[in-house]
Each structure stands twice: as C-alpha cells, then as structure tokens.
C-alpha cells in the first residue's frame, strides 16, 4: 500500500474528516504531492489543516505549486509565508498559520488558551494537533 493510502486510511479510521469535502480536498492534494521531493510529514499535516475549507486549501495549493515550479526541495518559502501570515492575522487564523509553520519547520507549537479563540477555529487547531499525532505514527514517506 502506498504511503498516501496509509495516511488517508489512518485518518479515516480515527474519524478525522468531518465532511466529504474535507476528505476530498485532502485526498486530492496529498495524491498530487506525496511523491514530490519536498514532501514530508510536516507538509502532510499542513495539507490536513488547509483542507478544512476552500480558502486555506487554495492558499496552500498556490504555494505548493510555486515550490514545484521553482524546483526546490525545501519548504523554507512556505515557512516564511506562514510566519508572515501569522503576523498579519489574528485569532484562529493566525494560530492556524503558526501551527502550520511549526509542522513544516519541526518547531514546537505553543498552544494558546483556546477559549480565547472562536470555537470553530479552536476545533480545527485541536483536530490538526490530533491528526499530527496519527501522521507521526506512520512510517516515514519514501
């Protein structure tokens, strides 16, 4: 079984997709890029987070396409963009970008008081952290 299939199976097994659209967006982007030279578990976690809605999905797809076109093997430009966006935004959106950046840089994420963030955004953050654990339990993608 391919790595992307194992990942989707693991997340599905743990009911990590709350809508068909979330699952389909994740499947689409994962299937396209899991063999890319820059793909890693951190990027996969970002894919999960971004797949919650069309806006974040389009943003992630745009930056991944740019990385692909540039032919780079690094996610540094993605991390830089995440840092920049987290400084420009507030609330849940800022935290989701901070979490995404922590995933791709492998830096620790300082979980804020989620009661101070809108409930929907707090839920996405909690689910992203949980999905991260399941993705970490998978063997490394080859």
N, C-alpha and C. Protein backbone atom coordinates (compact mmCIF):
# COMPACT_ATOMS: atom_id res chain seq x y z
N UNK A 1 0.84 -1.17 0.00
CA UNK A 1 0.00 0.00 0.00
C UNK A 1 0.89 1.24 0.00
N UNK A 2 0.51 2.23 -0.81
CA UNK A 2 1.29 3.46 -0.91
C UNK A 2 1.14 4.27 0.39
N UNK A 3 2.11 5.17 0.62
CA UNK A 3 2.10 5.97 1.84
C UNK A 3 0.86 6.84 1.94
N UNK A 4 0.48 7.47 0.85
CA UNK A 4 -0.69 8.34 0.87
C UNK A 4 -1.95 7.56 1.24
N UNK A 5 -2.05 6.34 0.75
CA UNK A 5 -3.20 5.50 1.08
C UNK A 5 -3.21 5.13 2.57
N UNK A 6 -2.02 4.82 3.11
CA UNK A 6 -1.92 4.52 4.54
C UNK A 6 -2.34 5.72 5.38
N UNK A 7 -1.91 6.89 4.95
CA UNK A 7 -2.22 8.11 5.69
C UNK A 7 -3.73 8.36 5.71
N UNK A 8 -4.35 8.30 4.55
CA UNK A 8 -5.80 8.53 4.47
C UNK A 8 -6.55 7.47 5.27
N UNK A 9 -6.11 6.24 5.18
CA UNK A 9 -6.75 5.16 5.93
C UNK A 9 -6.64 5.41 7.43
N UNK A 10 -5.47 5.82 7.89
CA UNK A 10 -5.26 6.09 9.31
C UNK A 10 -6.16 7.24 9.79
N UNK A 11 -6.19 8.32 9.04
CA UNK A 11 -7.01 9.47 9.44
C UNK A 11 -8.50 9.13 9.36
N UNK A 12 -8.89 8.37 8.37
CA UNK A 12 -10.29 7.95 8.24
C UNK A 12 -10.67 7.04 9.40
N UNK A 13 -9.79 6.12 9.73
CA UNK A 13 -10.04 5.19 10.85
C UNK A 13 -10.33 5.94 12.15
N UNK A 14 -9.68 7.08 12.32
CA UNK A 14 -9.85 7.88 13.54
C UNK A 14 -10.88 9.01 13.37
N UNK A 15 -11.66 8.93 12.29
CA UNK A 15 -12.74 9.90 12.04
C UNK A 15 -12.25 11.35 12.01
N UNK A 16 -11.14 11.58 11.35
CA UNK A 16 -10.54 12.90 11.31
C UNK A 16 -11.13 13.80 10.22
N UNK A 17 -11.95 13.25 9.36
CA UNK A 17 -12.60 14.05 8.31
C UNK A 17 -14.06 14.22 8.69
N UNK A 18 -14.45 15.47 8.89
CA UNK A 18 -15.82 15.72 9.33
C UNK A 18 -16.78 15.95 8.18
N UNK A 19 -16.24 16.23 7.01
CA UNK A 19 -17.09 16.39 5.83
C UNK A 19 -16.44 15.66 4.66
N UNK A 20 -17.26 15.34 3.69
CA UNK A 20 -16.76 14.73 2.46
C UNK A 20 -15.82 15.68 1.74
N UNK A 21 -16.16 16.96 1.78
CA UNK A 21 -15.33 17.96 1.10
C UNK A 21 -13.94 18.03 1.71
N UNK A 22 -13.86 17.98 3.04
CA UNK A 22 -12.56 18.00 3.72
C UNK A 22 -11.73 16.80 3.27
N UNK A 23 -12.32 15.65 3.29
CA UNK A 23 -11.62 14.42 2.89
C UNK A 23 -11.20 14.50 1.42
N UNK A 24 -12.09 14.96 0.55
CA UNK A 24 -11.76 15.02 -0.87
C UNK A 24 -10.65 16.01 -1.18
N UNK A 25 -10.68 17.17 -0.52
CA UNK A 25 -9.60 18.15 -0.73
C UNK A 25 -8.28 17.56 -0.27
N UNK A 26 -8.28 16.91 0.90
CA UNK A 26 -7.06 16.31 1.42
C UNK A 26 -6.55 15.23 0.47
N UNK A 27 -7.45 14.35 0.03
CA UNK A 27 -7.05 13.29 -0.91
C UNK A 27 -6.43 13.86 -2.17
N UNK A 28 -7.05 14.89 -2.70
CA UNK A 28 -6.58 15.48 -3.95
C UNK A 28 -5.17 16.05 -3.82
N UNK A 29 -4.94 16.85 -2.81
CA UNK A 29 -3.63 17.49 -2.68
C UNK A 29 -2.56 16.47 -2.25
N UNK A 30 -2.93 15.53 -1.40
CA UNK A 30 -1.98 14.50 -0.98
C UNK A 30 -1.57 13.63 -2.16
N UNK A 31 -2.55 13.20 -2.95
CA UNK A 31 -2.25 12.35 -4.11
C UNK A 31 -1.35 13.05 -5.12
N UNK A 32 -1.51 14.36 -5.23
CA UNK A 32 -0.69 15.12 -6.19
C UNK A 32 0.76 15.28 -5.74
N UNK A 33 0.99 15.39 -4.43
CA UNK A 33 2.31 15.82 -3.97
C UNK A 33 3.05 14.88 -3.04
N UNK A 34 2.49 13.73 -2.69
CA UNK A 34 3.19 12.89 -1.72
C UNK A 34 4.50 12.32 -2.27
N UNK A 35 4.69 12.34 -3.58
CA UNK A 35 5.95 11.86 -4.15
C UNK A 35 6.90 13.02 -4.50
N UNK A 36 6.49 14.25 -4.23
CA UNK A 36 7.34 15.39 -4.54
C UNK A 36 8.60 15.36 -3.66
N UNK A 37 9.71 15.89 -4.16
CA UNK A 37 10.96 15.83 -3.39
C UNK A 37 10.90 16.62 -2.07
N UNK A 38 9.99 17.55 -1.95
CA UNK A 38 9.88 18.36 -0.74
C UNK A 38 8.83 17.82 0.23
N UNK A 39 8.14 16.75 -0.14
CA UNK A 39 7.07 16.23 0.71
C UNK A 39 7.65 15.60 1.97
N UNK A 40 7.00 15.88 3.09
CA UNK A 40 7.34 15.24 4.35
C UNK A 40 6.10 15.22 5.23
N UNK A 41 6.21 14.64 6.39
CA UNK A 41 5.05 14.55 7.28
C UNK A 41 4.55 15.93 7.70
N UNK A 42 5.45 16.88 7.86
CA UNK A 42 5.03 18.23 8.23
C UNK A 42 4.14 18.84 7.17
N UNK A 43 4.49 18.67 5.91
CA UNK A 43 3.67 19.18 4.82
C UNK A 43 2.32 18.46 4.80
N UNK A 44 2.34 17.18 5.05
CA UNK A 44 1.10 16.41 5.10
C UNK A 44 0.15 16.97 6.17
N UNK A 45 0.70 17.33 7.31
CA UNK A 45 -0.10 17.91 8.40
C UNK A 45 -0.69 19.25 7.96
N UNK A 46 0.08 20.04 7.23
CA UNK A 46 -0.43 21.30 6.69
C UNK A 46 -1.54 21.05 5.69
N UNK A 47 -1.38 20.01 4.91
CA UNK A 47 -2.42 19.65 3.94
C UNK A 47 -3.73 19.33 4.67
N UNK A 48 -3.61 18.61 5.76
CA UNK A 48 -4.81 18.28 6.54
C UNK A 48 -5.48 19.56 7.04
N UNK A 49 -4.70 20.46 7.63
CA UNK A 49 -5.25 21.72 8.14
C UNK A 49 -5.88 22.55 7.02
N UNK A 50 -5.19 22.69 5.92
CA UNK A 50 -5.66 23.55 4.84
C UNK A 50 -6.90 22.98 4.15
N UNK A 51 -7.10 21.69 4.26
CA UNK A 51 -8.22 21.05 3.57
C UNK A 51 -9.56 21.27 4.25
N UNK A 52 -9.58 21.94 5.38
CA UNK A 52 -10.85 22.20 6.07
C UNK A 52 -11.76 23.11 5.25
N UNK A 53 -11.19 24.03 4.48
CA UNK A 53 -12.04 24.94 3.70
C UNK A 53 -11.35 25.31 2.39
N UNK A 54 -12.14 25.83 1.48
CA UNK A 54 -11.63 26.16 0.14
C UNK A 54 -10.58 27.26 0.14
N UNK A 55 -10.73 28.26 1.01
CA UNK A 55 -9.81 29.40 1.02
C UNK A 55 -8.40 28.96 1.42
N UNK A 56 -8.27 28.26 2.55
CA UNK A 56 -6.95 27.80 3.00
C UNK A 56 -6.38 26.76 2.04
N UNK A 57 -7.25 25.95 1.49
CA UNK A 57 -6.82 24.95 0.52
C UNK A 57 -6.20 25.62 -0.71
N UNK A 58 -6.86 26.64 -1.22
CA UNK A 58 -6.34 27.36 -2.39
C UNK A 58 -5.01 28.04 -2.07
N UNK A 59 -4.90 28.61 -0.86
CA UNK A 59 -3.64 29.24 -0.46
C UNK A 59 -2.50 28.23 -0.44
N UNK A 60 -2.75 27.07 0.16
CA UNK A 60 -1.70 26.05 0.24
C UNK A 60 -1.35 25.53 -1.15
N UNK A 61 -2.36 25.27 -1.95
CA UNK A 61 -2.11 24.77 -3.30
C UNK A 61 -1.27 25.77 -4.09
N UNK A 62 -1.54 27.05 -3.93
CA UNK A 62 -0.79 28.08 -4.62
C UNK A 62 0.69 28.06 -4.25
N UNK A 63 0.98 27.96 -2.96
CA UNK A 63 2.38 27.98 -2.54
C UNK A 63 3.09 26.67 -2.91
N UNK A 64 2.38 25.55 -2.84
CA UNK A 64 3.00 24.28 -3.25
C UNK A 64 3.29 24.30 -4.75
N UNK A 65 2.38 24.84 -5.53
CA UNK A 65 2.63 24.96 -6.97
C UNK A 65 3.86 25.82 -7.25
N UNK A 66 4.00 26.91 -6.51
CA UNK A 66 5.16 27.78 -6.68
C UNK A 66 6.46 27.02 -6.33
N UNK A 67 6.44 26.29 -5.24
CA UNK A 67 7.62 25.49 -4.85
C UNK A 67 7.96 24.49 -5.95
N UNK A 68 6.93 23.87 -6.51
CA UNK A 68 7.13 22.89 -7.59
C UNK A 68 7.74 23.55 -8.81
N UNK A 69 7.20 24.69 -9.20
CA UNK A 69 7.71 25.40 -10.37
C UNK A 69 9.16 25.83 -10.16
N UNK A 70 9.47 26.28 -8.94
CA UNK A 70 10.85 26.70 -8.64
C UNK A 70 11.81 25.51 -8.61
N UNK A 71 11.28 24.31 -8.47
CA UNK A 71 12.12 23.12 -8.45
C UNK A 71 12.92 22.96 -7.17
N UNK A 72 12.44 23.57 -6.11
CA UNK A 72 13.17 23.50 -4.85
C UNK A 72 12.79 22.24 -4.07
N UNK A 73 13.67 21.83 -3.20
CA UNK A 73 13.40 20.67 -2.34
C UNK A 73 13.11 21.12 -0.91
N UNK A 74 13.00 22.42 -0.73
CA UNK A 74 12.84 23.00 0.60
C UNK A 74 11.47 23.63 0.75
N UNK A 75 10.98 23.62 1.98
CA UNK A 75 9.72 24.27 2.31
C UNK A 75 9.95 25.61 3.01
N UNK A 76 11.18 26.14 2.88
CA UNK A 76 11.51 27.40 3.55
C UNK A 76 10.59 28.54 3.13
N UNK A 77 10.31 28.65 1.85
CA UNK A 77 9.43 29.74 1.40
C UNK A 77 8.03 29.58 1.98
N UNK A 78 7.61 28.37 2.16
CA UNK A 78 6.31 28.12 2.77
C UNK A 78 6.32 28.52 4.24
N UNK A 79 7.39 28.19 4.94
CA UNK A 79 7.52 28.58 6.34
C UNK A 79 7.57 30.10 6.47
N UNK A 80 8.30 30.75 5.58
CA UNK A 80 8.38 32.22 5.61
C UNK A 80 7.00 32.84 5.39
N UNK A 81 6.25 32.29 4.45
CA UNK A 81 4.90 32.79 4.17
C UNK A 81 4.00 32.57 5.38
N UNK A 82 4.11 31.42 6.03
CA UNK A 82 3.32 31.14 7.23
C UNK A 82 3.63 32.10 8.36
N UNK A 83 4.92 32.38 8.56
CA UNK A 83 5.32 33.35 9.58
C UNK A 83 4.73 34.73 9.28
N UNK A 84 4.82 35.13 8.03
CA UNK A 84 4.30 36.43 7.62
C UNK A 84 2.78 36.50 7.82
N UNK A 85 2.07 35.48 7.41
CA UNK A 85 0.61 35.47 7.54
C UNK A 85 0.19 35.47 9.01
N UNK A 86 0.92 34.75 9.85
CA UNK A 86 0.54 34.70 11.27
C UNK A 86 0.72 36.06 11.94
N UNK A 87 1.65 36.87 11.43
CA UNK A 87 1.85 38.22 11.97
C UNK A 87 0.78 39.19 11.47
N UNK A 88 0.25 38.94 10.28
CA UNK A 88 -0.75 39.84 9.69
C UNK A 88 -2.16 39.55 10.19
N UNK A 89 -2.40 38.34 10.64
CA UNK A 89 -3.74 37.92 11.03
C UNK A 89 -3.86 37.88 12.55
N UNK A 90 -5.06 37.59 13.00
CA UNK A 90 -5.28 37.44 14.44
C UNK A 90 -6.21 36.26 14.69
N UNK A 91 -6.35 35.91 15.95
CA UNK A 91 -7.27 34.85 16.35
C UNK A 91 -6.91 33.49 15.77
N UNK A 92 -7.94 32.74 15.42
CA UNK A 92 -7.75 31.38 14.94
C UNK A 92 -6.91 31.33 13.66
N UNK A 93 -7.14 32.27 12.75
CA UNK A 93 -6.37 32.25 11.50
C UNK A 93 -4.87 32.38 11.78
N UNK A 94 -4.49 33.29 12.65
CA UNK A 94 -3.08 33.45 12.99
C UNK A 94 -2.54 32.17 13.62
N UNK A 95 -3.32 31.58 14.51
CA UNK A 95 -2.87 30.35 15.19
C UNK A 95 -2.74 29.18 14.23
N UNK A 96 -3.63 29.10 13.26
CA UNK A 96 -3.54 28.01 12.28
C UNK A 96 -2.29 28.16 11.44
N UNK A 97 -1.93 29.39 11.08
CA UNK A 97 -0.68 29.60 10.34
C UNK A 97 0.53 29.28 11.23
N UNK A 98 0.47 29.65 12.50
CA UNK A 98 1.58 29.31 13.43
C UNK A 98 1.72 27.80 13.55
N UNK A 99 0.59 27.11 13.67
CA UNK A 99 0.62 25.65 13.77
C UNK A 99 1.20 25.04 12.50
N UNK A 100 0.76 25.52 11.36
CA UNK A 100 1.28 25.01 10.08
C UNK A 100 2.79 25.21 9.98
N UNK A 101 3.23 26.40 10.36
CA UNK A 101 4.67 26.68 10.30
C UNK A 101 5.44 25.77 11.25
N UNK A 102 4.87 25.51 12.41
CA UNK A 102 5.55 24.61 13.35
C UNK A 102 5.65 23.20 12.76
N UNK A 103 4.63 22.79 12.02
CA UNK A 103 4.66 21.47 11.39
C UNK A 103 5.79 21.37 10.38
N UNK A 104 5.93 22.37 9.52
CA UNK A 104 6.93 22.24 8.45
C UNK A 104 8.34 22.58 8.89
N UNK A 105 8.48 23.30 10.00
CA UNK A 105 9.82 23.61 10.50
C UNK A 105 10.23 22.67 11.63
N UNK A 106 9.28 21.87 12.08
CA UNK A 106 9.51 20.94 13.20
C UNK A 106 9.86 21.69 14.49
N UNK A 107 9.30 22.90 14.61
CA UNK A 107 9.45 23.68 15.84
C UNK A 107 8.26 23.39 16.75
N UNK A 108 8.45 23.52 18.05
CA UNK A 108 7.31 23.31 18.95
C UNK A 108 6.23 24.38 18.73
N UNK A 109 5.01 23.98 18.95
CA UNK A 109 3.88 24.91 18.85
C UNK A 109 3.40 25.22 20.26
N UNK A 110 3.30 26.50 20.58
CA UNK A 110 2.81 26.91 21.89
C UNK A 110 1.30 27.07 21.81
N UNK A 111 0.61 26.10 22.33
CA UNK A 111 -0.85 26.09 22.28
C UNK A 111 -1.40 27.23 23.13
N UNK A 112 -2.18 28.12 22.50
CA UNK A 112 -2.75 29.23 23.26
C UNK A 112 -3.97 28.76 24.06
N UNK A 113 -4.51 29.63 24.84
CA UNK A 113 -5.76 29.36 25.54
C UNK A 113 -6.85 29.35 24.48
N UNK A 114 -7.33 28.16 24.13
CA UNK A 114 -8.29 28.04 23.04
C UNK A 114 -9.65 28.62 23.37
N UNK A 115 -9.89 28.92 24.64
CA UNK A 115 -11.17 29.56 24.98
C UNK A 115 -11.19 31.00 24.50
N UNK A 116 -10.04 31.54 24.15
CA UNK A 116 -9.95 32.92 23.66
C UNK A 116 -10.08 33.00 22.13
N UNK A 117 -10.26 31.85 21.50
CA UNK A 117 -10.36 31.78 20.03
C UNK A 117 -11.77 31.29 19.69
N UNK A 118 -12.27 31.69 18.54
CA UNK A 118 -13.61 31.26 18.15
C UNK A 118 -13.68 29.72 18.17
N UNK A 119 -14.82 29.18 18.57
CA UNK A 119 -14.96 27.72 18.74
C UNK A 119 -14.61 26.91 17.49
N UNK A 120 -14.99 27.40 16.32
CA UNK A 120 -14.70 26.65 15.10
C UNK A 120 -13.19 26.59 14.85
N UNK A 121 -12.52 27.72 15.01
CA UNK A 121 -11.07 27.75 14.83
C UNK A 121 -10.35 26.90 15.86
N UNK A 122 -10.81 26.95 17.11
CA UNK A 122 -10.22 26.13 18.17
C UNK A 122 -10.38 24.65 17.84
N UNK A 123 -11.52 24.29 17.27
CA UNK A 123 -11.77 22.90 16.89
C UNK A 123 -10.79 22.45 15.80
N UNK A 124 -10.57 23.31 14.81
CA UNK A 124 -9.63 22.98 13.73
C UNK A 124 -8.23 22.78 14.30
N UNK A 125 -7.83 23.63 15.22
CA UNK A 125 -6.50 23.51 15.84
C UNK A 125 -6.39 22.20 16.61
N UNK A 126 -7.40 21.89 17.42
CA UNK A 126 -7.37 20.62 18.16
C UNK A 126 -7.30 19.42 17.22
N UNK A 127 -8.10 19.44 16.19
CA UNK A 127 -8.11 18.34 15.23
C UNK A 127 -6.78 18.25 14.48
N UNK A 128 -6.20 19.40 14.15
CA UNK A 128 -4.90 19.41 13.48
C UNK A 128 -3.82 18.79 14.35
N UNK A 129 -3.86 19.09 15.64
CA UNK A 129 -2.88 18.50 16.57
C UNK A 129 -3.09 17.00 16.71
N UNK A 130 -4.34 16.58 16.73
CA UNK A 130 -4.64 15.15 16.82
C UNK A 130 -4.22 14.42 15.54
N UNK A 131 -4.56 15.00 14.40
CA UNK A 131 -4.15 14.40 13.12
C UNK A 131 -2.63 14.30 13.04
N UNK A 132 -1.96 15.30 13.57
CA UNK A 132 -0.49 15.31 13.57
C UNK A 132 0.07 14.07 14.27
N UNK A 133 -0.54 13.71 15.38
CA UNK A 133 -0.08 12.51 16.10
C UNK A 133 -0.26 11.25 15.27
N UNK A 134 -1.40 11.15 14.59
CA UNK A 134 -1.64 9.97 13.75
C UNK A 134 -0.68 9.93 12.57
N UNK A 135 -0.39 11.07 11.98
CA UNK A 135 0.56 11.12 10.87
C UNK A 135 1.95 10.77 11.35
N UNK A 136 2.34 11.26 12.54
CA UNK A 136 3.65 10.92 13.09
C UNK A 136 3.81 9.43 13.34
N UNK A 137 2.70 8.74 13.64
CA UNK A 137 2.76 7.30 13.91
C UNK A 137 3.01 6.48 12.65
N UNK A 138 2.82 7.07 11.49
CA UNK A 138 3.04 6.35 10.23
C UNK A 138 4.55 6.26 9.95
N UNK A 139 4.96 5.25 9.20
CA UNK A 139 6.37 5.22 8.80
C UNK A 139 6.68 6.44 7.93
N UNK A 140 7.94 6.81 7.85
CA UNK A 140 8.30 7.97 7.03
C UNK A 140 7.97 7.70 5.57
N UNK A 141 7.48 8.72 4.88
CA UNK A 141 7.21 8.54 3.43
C UNK A 141 8.53 8.31 2.70
N UNK A 142 8.47 7.47 1.70
CA UNK A 142 9.72 7.20 0.95
C UNK A 142 9.65 7.74 -0.44
